[in-house]
Amino acid sequence: MAKGEIVIDEKHCRGCALCVEFCAKGCIEIPGTKFTAEGYLLAVFSHPEKCNGCGVCGWMCPQFAIEAFKYVQPGESKEDRPKAEEPA
């Protein structure tokens, strides 16, 4: 199964929490203890073991502060990956 990683650019993050709200895996938090140089609350990639690299957090970020990366095991083909469920 693919694993993911995100990188949050602290210079651009404004702590809006859209990444937290839209992360289906719960990988990102805003703990309230970390701030940017401008004083904004900072999002933290707190549960990397849950991340699948889907990239929704980066798509939702209005400041383009998140880059998402998906890592696929060598030899894993597209057919080996779990298929998304069809909408009802």
PDB file of N, CA and C in Angstrom:
ATOM      1  N   MET A   1       0.847  -1.186   0.000  1.00  0.00           N
ATOM      2  CA  MET A   1       0.000   0.000   0.000  1.00  0.00           C
ATOM      3  C   MET A   1       0.888   1.243   0.000  1.00  0.00           C
ATOM      4  N   ALA A   2       0.461   2.249  -0.686  1.00  0.00           N
ATOM      5  CA  ALA A   2       1.215   3.495  -0.785  1.00  0.00           C
ATOM      6  C   ALA A   2       1.242   4.214   0.556  1.00  0.00           C
ATOM      7  N   LYS A   3       2.371   4.814   0.836  1.00  0.00           N
ATOM      8  CA  LYS A   3       2.529   5.641   2.019  1.00  0.00           C
ATOM      9  C   LYS A   3       2.770   7.061   1.553  1.00  0.00           C
ATOM     10  N   GLY A   4       2.470   8.004   2.419  1.00  0.00           N
ATOM     11  CA  GLY A   4       2.632   9.389   2.032  1.00  0.00           C
ATOM     12  C   GLY A   4       3.381  10.202   3.053  1.00  0.00           C
ATOM     13  N   GLU A   5       3.704  11.389   2.617  1.00  0.00           N
ATOM     14  CA  GLU A   5       4.383  12.347   3.473  1.00  0.00           C
ATOM     15  C   GLU A   5       3.985  13.735   2.987  1.00  0.00           C
ATOM     16  N   ILE A   6       3.861  14.666   3.906  1.00  0.00           N
ATOM     17  CA  ILE A   6       3.613  16.051   3.508  1.00  0.00           C
ATOM     18  C   ILE A   6       4.692  16.940   4.103  1.00  0.00           C
ATOM     19  N   VAL A   7       4.918  18.054   3.436  1.00  0.00           N
ATOM     20  CA  VAL A   7       5.840  19.066   3.928  1.00  0.00           C
ATOM     21  C   VAL A   7       5.035  20.359   4.030  1.00  0.00           C
ATOM     22  N   ILE A   8       5.037  20.938   5.219  1.00  0.00           N
ATOM     23  CA  ILE A   8       4.316  22.194   5.454  1.00  0.00           C
ATOM     24  C   ILE A   8       5.337  23.328   5.480  1.00  0.00           C
ATOM     25  N   ASP A   9       5.166  24.282   4.572  1.00  0.00           N
ATOM     26  CA  ASP A   9       6.055  25.444   4.499  1.00  0.00           C
ATOM     27  C   ASP A   9       5.622  26.430   5.579  1.00  0.00           C
ATOM     28  N   GLU A  10       6.412  26.522   6.621  1.00  0.00           N
ATOM     29  CA  GLU A  10       6.057  27.359   7.767  1.00  0.00           C
ATOM     30  C   GLU A  10       5.981  28.843   7.419  1.00  0.00           C
ATOM     31  N   LYS A  11       6.674  29.269   6.372  1.00  0.00           N
ATOM     32  CA  LYS A  11       6.632  30.679   5.967  1.00  0.00           C
ATOM     33  C   LYS A  11       5.286  31.052   5.347  1.00  0.00           C
ATOM     34  N   HIS A  12       4.576  30.054   4.796  1.00  0.00           N
ATOM     35  CA  HIS A  12       3.317  30.348   4.122  1.00  0.00           C
ATOM     36  C   HIS A  12       2.074  29.927   4.900  1.00  0.00           C
ATOM     37  N   CYS A  13       2.206  29.026   5.856  1.00  0.00           N
ATOM     38  CA  CYS A  13       1.051  28.545   6.625  1.00  0.00           C
ATOM     39  C   CYS A  13       0.448  29.680   7.445  1.00  0.00           C
ATOM     40  N   ARG A  14      -0.873  29.798   7.401  1.00  0.00           N
ATOM     41  CA  ARG A  14      -1.595  30.829   8.157  1.00  0.00           C
ATOM     42  C   ARG A  14      -2.508  30.222   9.230  1.00  0.00           C
ATOM     43  N   GLY A  15      -2.428  28.921   9.424  1.00  0.00           N
ATOM     44  CA  GLY A  15      -3.200  28.282  10.488  1.00  0.00           C
ATOM     45  C   GLY A  15      -4.693  28.280  10.266  1.00  0.00           C
ATOM     46  N   CYS A  16      -5.133  28.265   9.019  1.00  0.00           N
ATOM     47  CA  CYS A  16      -6.571  28.322   8.729  1.00  0.00           C
ATOM     48  C   CYS A  16      -7.283  27.006   9.056  1.00  0.00           C
ATOM     49  N   ALA A  17      -6.533  25.915   9.153  1.00  0.00           N
ATOM     50  CA  ALA A  17      -7.041  24.587   9.527  1.00  0.00           C
ATOM     51  C   ALA A  17      -7.857  23.886   8.446  1.00  0.00           C
ATOM     52  N   LEU A  18      -7.838  24.380   7.222  1.00  0.00           N
ATOM     53  CA  LEU A  18      -8.536  23.666   6.152  1.00  0.00           C
ATOM     54  C   LEU A  18      -7.884  22.309   5.907  1.00  0.00           C
ATOM     55  N   CYS A  19      -6.572  22.226   6.039  1.00  0.00           N
ATOM     56  CA  CYS A  19      -5.877  20.946   5.869  1.00  0.00           C
ATOM     57  C   CYS A  19      -6.320  19.949   6.929  1.00  0.00           C
ATOM     58  N   VAL A  20      -6.491  20.426   8.149  1.00  0.00           N
ATOM     59  CA  VAL A  20      -6.940  19.563   9.254  1.00  0.00           C
ATOM     60  C   VAL A  20      -8.350  19.061   8.974  1.00  0.00           C
ATOM     61  N   GLU A  21      -9.213  19.964   8.557  1.00  0.00           N
ATOM     62  CA  GLU A  21     -10.612  19.624   8.307  1.00  0.00           C
ATOM     63  C   GLU A  21     -10.776  18.617   7.169  1.00  0.00           C
ATOM     64  N   PHE A  22      -9.964  18.735   6.124  1.00  0.00           N
ATOM     65  CA  PHE A  22     -10.151  17.894   4.949  1.00  0.00           C
ATOM     66  C   PHE A  22      -9.264  16.651   4.899  1.00  0.00           C
ATOM     67  N   CYS A  23      -8.371  16.481   5.862  1.00  0.00           N
ATOM     68  CA  CYS A  23      -7.543  15.271   5.893  1.00  0.00           C
ATOM     69  C   CYS A  23      -8.389  14.118   6.422  1.00  0.00           C
ATOM     70  N   ALA A  24      -8.733  13.184   5.549  1.00  0.00           N
ATOM     71  CA  ALA A  24      -9.591  12.060   5.922  1.00  0.00           C
ATOM     72  C   ALA A  24      -8.905  11.097   6.884  1.00  0.00           C
ATOM     73  N   LYS A  25      -7.592  11.116   6.913  1.00  0.00           N
ATOM     74  CA  LYS A  25      -6.838  10.195   7.773  1.00  0.00           C
ATOM     75  C   LYS A  25      -6.484  10.797   9.125  1.00  0.00           C
ATOM     76  N   GLY A  26      -6.703  12.092   9.312  1.00  0.00           N
ATOM     77  CA  GLY A  26      -6.387  12.732  10.586  1.00  0.00           C
ATOM     78  C   GLY A  26      -4.894  12.881  10.840  1.00  0.00           C
ATOM     79  N   CYS A  27      -4.145  13.157   9.788  1.00  0.00           N
ATOM     80  CA  CYS A  27      -2.681  13.232   9.888  1.00  0.00           C
ATOM     81  C   CYS A  27      -2.168  14.587  10.367  1.00  0.00           C
ATOM     82  N   ILE A  28      -2.996  15.610  10.253  1.00  0.00           N
ATOM     83  CA  ILE A  28      -2.546  16.977  10.523  1.00  0.00           C
ATOM     84  C   ILE A  28      -3.320  17.539  11.706  1.00  0.00           C
ATOM     85  N   GLU A  29      -2.615  18.271  12.553  1.00  0.00           N
ATOM     86  CA  GLU A  29      -3.240  18.915  13.711  1.00  0.00           C
ATOM     87  C   GLU A  29      -2.733  20.351  13.831  1.00  0.00           C
ATOM     88  N   ILE A  30      -3.478  21.149  14.562  1.00  0.00           N
ATOM     89  CA  ILE A  30      -2.997  22.463  14.974  1.00  0.00           C
ATOM     90  C   ILE A  30      -3.025  22.430  16.499  1.00  0.00           C
ATOM     91  N   PRO A  31      -1.887  22.079  17.107  1.00  0.00           N
ATOM     92  CA  PRO A  31      -1.863  21.866  18.554  1.00  0.00           C
ATOM     93  C   PRO A  31      -1.979  23.147  19.386  1.00  0.00           C
ATOM     94  N   GLY A  32      -1.736  24.298  18.783  1.00  0.00           N
ATOM     95  CA  GLY A  32      -1.839  25.548  19.528  1.00  0.00           C
ATOM     96  C   GLY A  32      -0.571  25.894  20.289  1.00  0.00           C
ATOM     97  N   THR A  33       0.493  25.133  20.071  1.00  0.00           N
ATOM     98  CA  THR A  33       1.751  25.388  20.764  1.00  0.00           C
ATOM     99  C   THR A  33       2.861  25.828  19.824  1.00  0.00           C
ATOM    100  N   LYS A  34       2.604  25.778  18.521  1.00  0.00           N
ATOM    101  CA  LYS A  34       3.611  26.129  17.531  1.00  0.00           C
ATOM    102  C   LYS A  34       3.075  27.283  16.679  1.00  0.00           C
ATOM    103  N   PHE A  35       3.920  28.307  16.496  1.00  0.00           N
ATOM    104  CA  PHE A  35       3.499  29.502  15.772  1.00  0.00           C
ATOM    105  C   PHE A  35       4.509  29.852  14.681  1.00  0.00           C
ATOM    106  N   THR A  36       4.025  30.550  13.656  1.00  0.00           N
ATOM    107  CA  THR A  36       4.920  31.049  12.616  1.00  0.00           C
ATOM    108  C   THR A  36       5.594  32.320  13.138  1.00  0.00           C
ATOM    109  N   ALA A  37       6.555  32.826  12.388  1.00  0.00           N
ATOM    110  CA  ALA A  37       7.247  34.062  12.781  1.00  0.00           C
ATOM    111  C   ALA A  37       6.285  35.245  12.849  1.00  0.00           C
ATOM    112  N   GLU A  38       5.187  35.181  12.049  1.00  0.00           N
ATOM    113  CA  GLU A  38       4.196  36.272  12.058  1.00  0.00           C
ATOM    114  C   GLU A  38       3.153  36.102  13.162  1.00  0.00           C
ATOM    115  N   GLY A  39       3.219  34.982  13.888  1.00  0.00           N
ATOM    116  CA  GLY A  39       2.291  34.769  14.993  1.00  0.00           C
ATOM    117  C   GLY A  39       1.077  33.912  14.665  1.00  0.00           C
ATOM    118  N   TYR A  40       1.021  33.351  13.460  1.00  0.00           N
ATOM    119  CA  TYR A  40      -0.089  32.464  13.105  1.00  0.00           C
ATOM    120  C   TYR A  40       0.125  31.089  13.721  1.00  0.00           C
ATOM    121  N   LEU A  41      -0.955  30.441  14.100  1.00  0.00           N
ATOM    122  CA  LEU A  41      -0.858  29.054  14.537  1.00  0.00           C
ATOM    123  C   LEU A  41      -0.344  28.212  13.379  1.00  0.00           C
ATOM    124  N   LEU A  42       0.429  27.196  13.681  1.00  0.00           N
ATOM    125  CA  LEU A  42       1.057  26.395  12.646  1.00  0.00           C
ATOM    126  C   LEU A  42       0.497  24.980  12.626  1.00  0.00           C
ATOM    127  N   ALA A  43       0.153  24.512  11.431  1.00  0.00           N
ATOM    128  CA  ALA A  43      -0.285  23.128  11.251  1.00  0.00           C
ATOM    129  C   ALA A  43       0.928  22.213  11.384  1.00  0.00           C
ATOM    130  N   VAL A  44       0.698  21.016  11.954  1.00  0.00           N
ATOM    131  CA  VAL A  44       1.775  20.066  12.197  1.00  0.00           C
ATOM    132  C   VAL A  44       1.376  18.708  11.628  1.00  0.00           C
ATOM    133  N   PHE A  45       2.292  18.080  10.918  1.00  0.00           N
ATOM    134  CA  PHE A  45       2.103  16.725  10.374  1.00  0.00           C
ATOM    135  C   PHE A  45       2.353  15.753  11.532  1.00  0.00           C
ATOM    136  N   SER A  46       1.325  15.498  12.318  1.00  0.00           N
ATOM    137  CA  SER A  46       1.484  14.802  13.587  1.00  0.00           C
ATOM    138  C   SER A  46       1.344  13.285  13.522  1.00  0.00           C
ATOM    139  N   HIS A  47       0.727  12.752  12.478  1.00  0.00           N
ATOM    140  CA  HIS A  47       0.529  11.304  12.374  1.00  0.00           C
ATOM    141  C   HIS A  47       0.968  10.802  10.989  1.00  0.00           C
ATOM    142  N   PRO A  48       2.271  10.824  10.723  1.00  0.00           N
ATOM    143  CA  PRO A  48       2.755  10.420   9.399  1.00  0.00           C
ATOM    144  C   PRO A  48       2.472   8.955   9.071  1.00  0.00           C
ATOM    145  N   GLU A  49       2.321   8.127  10.079  1.00  0.00           N
ATOM    146  CA  GLU A  49       2.048   6.706   9.828  1.00  0.00           C
ATOM    147  C   GLU A  49       0.680   6.473   9.192  1.00  0.00           C
ATOM    148  N   LYS A  50      -0.214   7.440   9.302  1.00  0.00           N
ATOM    149  CA  LYS A  50      -1.563   7.310   8.722  1.00  0.00           C
ATOM    150  C   LYS A  50      -1.654   7.832   7.290  1.00  0.00           C
ATOM    151  N   CYS A  51      -0.694   8.639   6.873  1.00  0.00           N
ATOM    152  CA  CYS A  51      -0.768   9.346   5.592  1.00  0.00           C
ATOM    153  C   CYS A  51      -0.625   8.405   4.397  1.00  0.00           C
ATOM    154  N   ASN A  52      -1.506   8.604   3.409  1.00  0.00           N
ATOM    155  CA  ASN A  52      -1.420   7.825   2.168  1.00  0.00           C
ATOM    156  C   ASN A  52      -1.010   8.702   0.980  1.00  0.00           C
ATOM    157  N   GLY A  53      -0.691   9.962   1.237  1.00  0.00           N
ATOM    158  CA  GLY A  53      -0.203  10.843   0.183  1.00  0.00           C
ATOM    159  C   GLY A  53      -1.263  11.272  -0.814  1.00  0.00           C
ATOM    160  N   CYS A  54      -2.519  11.322  -0.400  1.00  0.00           N
ATOM    161  CA  CYS A  54      -3.602  11.651  -1.334  1.00  0.00           C
ATOM    162  C   CYS A  54      -3.509  13.083  -1.870  1.00  0.00           C
ATOM    163  N   GLY A  55      -2.960  14.010  -1.074  1.00  0.00           N
ATOM    164  CA  GLY A  55      -2.760  15.386  -1.528  1.00  0.00           C
ATOM    165  C   GLY A  55      -3.923  16.326  -1.315  1.00  0.00           C
ATOM    166  N   VAL A  56      -5.002  15.876  -0.694  1.00  0.00           N
ATOM    167  CA  VAL A  56      -6.168  16.744  -0.489  1.00  0.00           C
ATOM    168  C   VAL A  56      -5.790  17.947   0.378  1.00  0.00           C
ATOM    169  N   CYS A  57      -4.946  17.731   1.363  1.00  0.00           N
ATOM    170  CA  CYS A  57      -4.534  18.840   2.231  1.00  0.00           C
ATOM    171  C   CYS A  57      -3.890  19.962   1.410  1.00  0.00           C
ATOM    172  N   GLY A  58      -3.023  19.596   0.485  1.00  0.00           N
ATOM    173  CA  GLY A  58      -2.371  20.590  -0.364  1.00  0.00           C
ATOM    174  C   GLY A  58      -3.331  21.282  -1.315  1.00  0.00           C
ATOM    175  N   TRP A  59      -4.310  20.526  -1.806  1.00  0.00           N
ATOM    176  CA  TRP A  59      -5.302  21.127  -2.710  1.00  0.00           C
ATOM    177  C   TRP A  59      -6.163  22.149  -1.983  1.00  0.00           C
ATOM    178  N   MET A  60      -6.446  21.901  -0.709  1.00  0.00           N
ATOM    179  CA  MET A  60      -7.335  22.776   0.044  1.00  0.00           C
ATOM    180  C   MET A  60      -6.629  23.994   0.629  1.00  0.00           C
ATOM    181  N   CYS A  61      -5.302  23.958   0.705  1.00  0.00           N
ATOM    182  CA  CYS A  61      -4.555  25.049   1.328  1.00  0.00           C
ATOM    183  C   CYS A  61      -4.587  26.307   0.445  1.00  0.00           C
ATOM    184  N   PRO A  62      -5.203  27.391   0.931  1.00  0.00           N
ATOM    185  CA  PRO A  62      -5.285  28.611   0.116  1.00  0.00           C
ATOM    186  C   PRO A  62      -3.938  29.328  -0.020  1.00  0.00           C
ATOM    187  N   GLN A  63      -2.957  28.974   0.823  1.00  0.00           N
ATOM    188  CA  GLN A  63      -1.633  29.602   0.780  1.00  0.00           C
ATOM    189  C   GLN A  63      -0.606  28.754   0.034  1.00  0.00           C
ATOM    190  N   PHE A  64      -1.034  27.574  -0.476  1.00  0.00           N
ATOM    191  CA  PHE A  64      -0.128  26.645  -1.172  1.00  0.00           C
ATOM    192  C   PHE A  64       1.074  26.296  -0.290  1.00  0.00           C
ATOM    193  N   ALA A  65       0.809  26.083   0.990  1.00  0.00           N
ATOM    194  CA  ALA A  65       1.876  25.834   1.966  1.00  0.00           C
ATOM    195  C   ALA A  65       2.178  24.347   2.152  1.00  0.00           C
ATOM    196  N   ILE A  66       1.455  23.464   1.474  1.00  0.00           N
ATOM    197  CA  ILE A  66       1.639  22.030   1.688  1.00  0.00           C
ATOM    198  C   ILE A  66       1.988  21.323   0.387  1.00  0.00           C
ATOM    199  N   GLU A  67       3.033  20.517   0.458  1.00  0.00           N
ATOM    200  CA  GLU A  67       3.389  19.621  -0.648  1.00  0.00           C
ATOM    201  C   GLU A  67       3.156  18.202  -0.161  1.00  0.00           C
ATOM    202  N   ALA A  68       2.508  17.392  -0.970  1.00  0.00           N
ATOM    203  CA  ALA A  68       2.249  15.995  -0.611  1.00  0.00           C
ATOM    204  C   ALA A  68       3.037  15.079  -1.533  1.00  0.00           C
ATOM    205  N   PHE A  69       3.533  13.999  -0.946  1.00  0.00           N
ATOM    206  CA  PHE A  69       4.311  13.014  -1.691  1.00  0.00           C
ATOM    207  C   PHE A  69       3.745  11.632  -1.431  1.00  0.00           C
ATOM    208  N   LYS A  70       3.635  10.840  -2.474  1.00  0.00           N
ATOM    209  CA  LYS A  70       3.149   9.467  -2.354  1.00  0.00           C
ATOM    210  C   LYS A  70       4.278   8.522  -2.710  1.00  0.00           C
ATOM    211  N   TYR A  71       4.526   7.562  -1.828  1.00  0.00           N
ATOM    212  CA  TYR A  71       5.567   6.569  -2.042  1.00  0.00           C
ATOM    213  C   TYR A  71       4.915   5.216  -2.273  1.00  0.00           C
ATOM    214  N   VAL A  72       5.256   4.588  -3.386  1.00  0.00           N
ATOM    215  CA  VAL A  72       4.704   3.278  -3.734  1.00  0.00           C
ATOM    216  C   VAL A  72       5.834   2.268  -3.619  1.00  0.00           C
ATOM    217  N   GLN A  73       5.530   1.113  -3.040  1.00  0.00           N
ATOM    218  CA  GLN A  73       6.536   0.059  -2.885  1.00  0.00           C
ATOM    219  C   GLN A  73       7.040  -0.383  -4.260  1.00  0.00           C
ATOM    220  N   PRO A  74       8.337  -0.651  -4.393  1.00  0.00           N
ATOM    221  CA  PRO A  74       8.860  -1.156  -5.663  1.00  0.00           C
ATOM    222  C   PRO A  74       8.149  -2.447  -6.064  1.00  0.00           C
ATOM    223  N   GLY A  75       7.797  -2.535  -7.317  1.00  0.00           N
ATOM    224  CA  GLY A  75       7.104  -3.722  -7.813  1.00  0.00           C
ATOM    225  C   GLY A  75       5.597  -3.662  -7.661  1.00  0.00           C
ATOM    226  N   GLU A  76       5.080  -2.681  -6.940  1.00  0.00           N
ATOM    227  CA  GLU A  76       3.632  -2.559  -6.783  1.00  0.00           C
ATOM    228  C   GLU A  76       3.067  -1.897  -8.035  1.00  0.00           C
ATOM    229  N   SER A  77       2.158  -2.568  -8.674  1.00  0.00           N
ATOM    230  CA  SER A  77       1.557  -2.007  -9.875  1.00  0.00           C
ATOM    231  C   SER A  77       0.244  -1.329  -9.529  1.00  0.00           C
ATOM    232  N   LYS A  78      -0.286  -0.617 -10.481  1.00  0.00           N
ATOM    233  CA  LYS A  78      -1.552   0.076 -10.287  1.00  0.00           C
ATOM    234  C   LYS A  78      -2.667  -0.911  -9.929  1.00  0.00           C
ATOM    235  N   GLU A  79      -2.615  -2.099 -10.496  1.00  0.00           N
ATOM    236  CA  GLU A  79      -3.642  -3.111 -10.256  1.00  0.00           C
ATOM    237  C   GLU A  79      -3.572  -3.662  -8.825  1.00  0.00           C
ATOM    238  N   ASP A  80      -2.393  -3.594  -8.189  1.00  0.00           N
ATOM    239  CA  ASP A  80      -2.220  -4.112  -6.835  1.00  0.00           C
ATOM    240  C   ASP A  80      -2.765  -3.169  -5.771  1.00  0.00           C
ATOM    241  N   ARG A  81      -2.964  -1.917  -6.134  1.00  0.00           N
ATOM    242  CA  ARG A  81      -3.423  -0.925  -5.162  1.00  0.00           C
ATOM    243  C   ARG A  81      -4.905  -1.106  -4.874  1.00  0.00           C
ATOM    244  N   PRO A  82      -5.319  -0.781  -3.635  1.00  0.00           N
ATOM    245  CA  PRO A  82      -6.742  -0.864  -3.312  1.00  0.00           C
ATOM    246  C   PRO A  82      -7.545   0.078  -4.196  1.00  0.00           C
ATOM    247  N   LYS A  83      -8.686  -0.353  -4.643  1.00  0.00           N
ATOM    248  CA  LYS A  83      -9.532   0.481  -5.503  1.00  0.00           C
ATOM    249  C   LYS A  83     -10.457   1.335  -4.654  1.00  0.00           C
ATOM    250  N   ALA A  84     -10.693   2.541  -5.127  1.00  0.00           N
ATOM    251  CA  ALA A  84     -11.622   3.432  -4.452  1.00  0.00           C
ATOM    252  C   ALA A  84     -13.042   2.905  -4.634  1.00  0.00           C
ATOM    253  N   GLU A  85     -13.825   3.114  -3.596  1.00  0.00           N
ATOM    254  CA  GLU A  85     -15.216   2.678  -3.679  1.00  0.00           C
ATOM    255  C   GLU A  85     -15.986   3.584  -4.620  1.00  0.00           C
ATOM    256  N   GLU A  86     -16.892   2.976  -5.345  1.00  0.00           N
ATOM    257  CA  GLU A  86     -17.747   3.740  -6.247  1.00  0.00           C
ATOM    258  C   GLU A  86     -18.802   4.485  -5.445  1.00  0.00           C
ATOM    259  N   PRO A  87     -19.100   5.729  -5.799  1.00  0.00           N
ATOM    260  CA  PRO A  87     -20.156   6.474  -5.086  1.00  0.00           C
ATOM    261  C   PRO A  87     -21.510   5.799  -5.281  1.00  0.00           C
ATOM    262  N   ALA A  88     -22.307   5.876  -4.239  1.00  0.00           N
ATOM    263  CA  ALA A  88     -23.637   5.249  -4.293  1.00  0.00           C
ATOM    264  C   ALA A  88     -24.618   6.066  -5.091  1.00  0.00           C
TER     265      ALA A  88
END
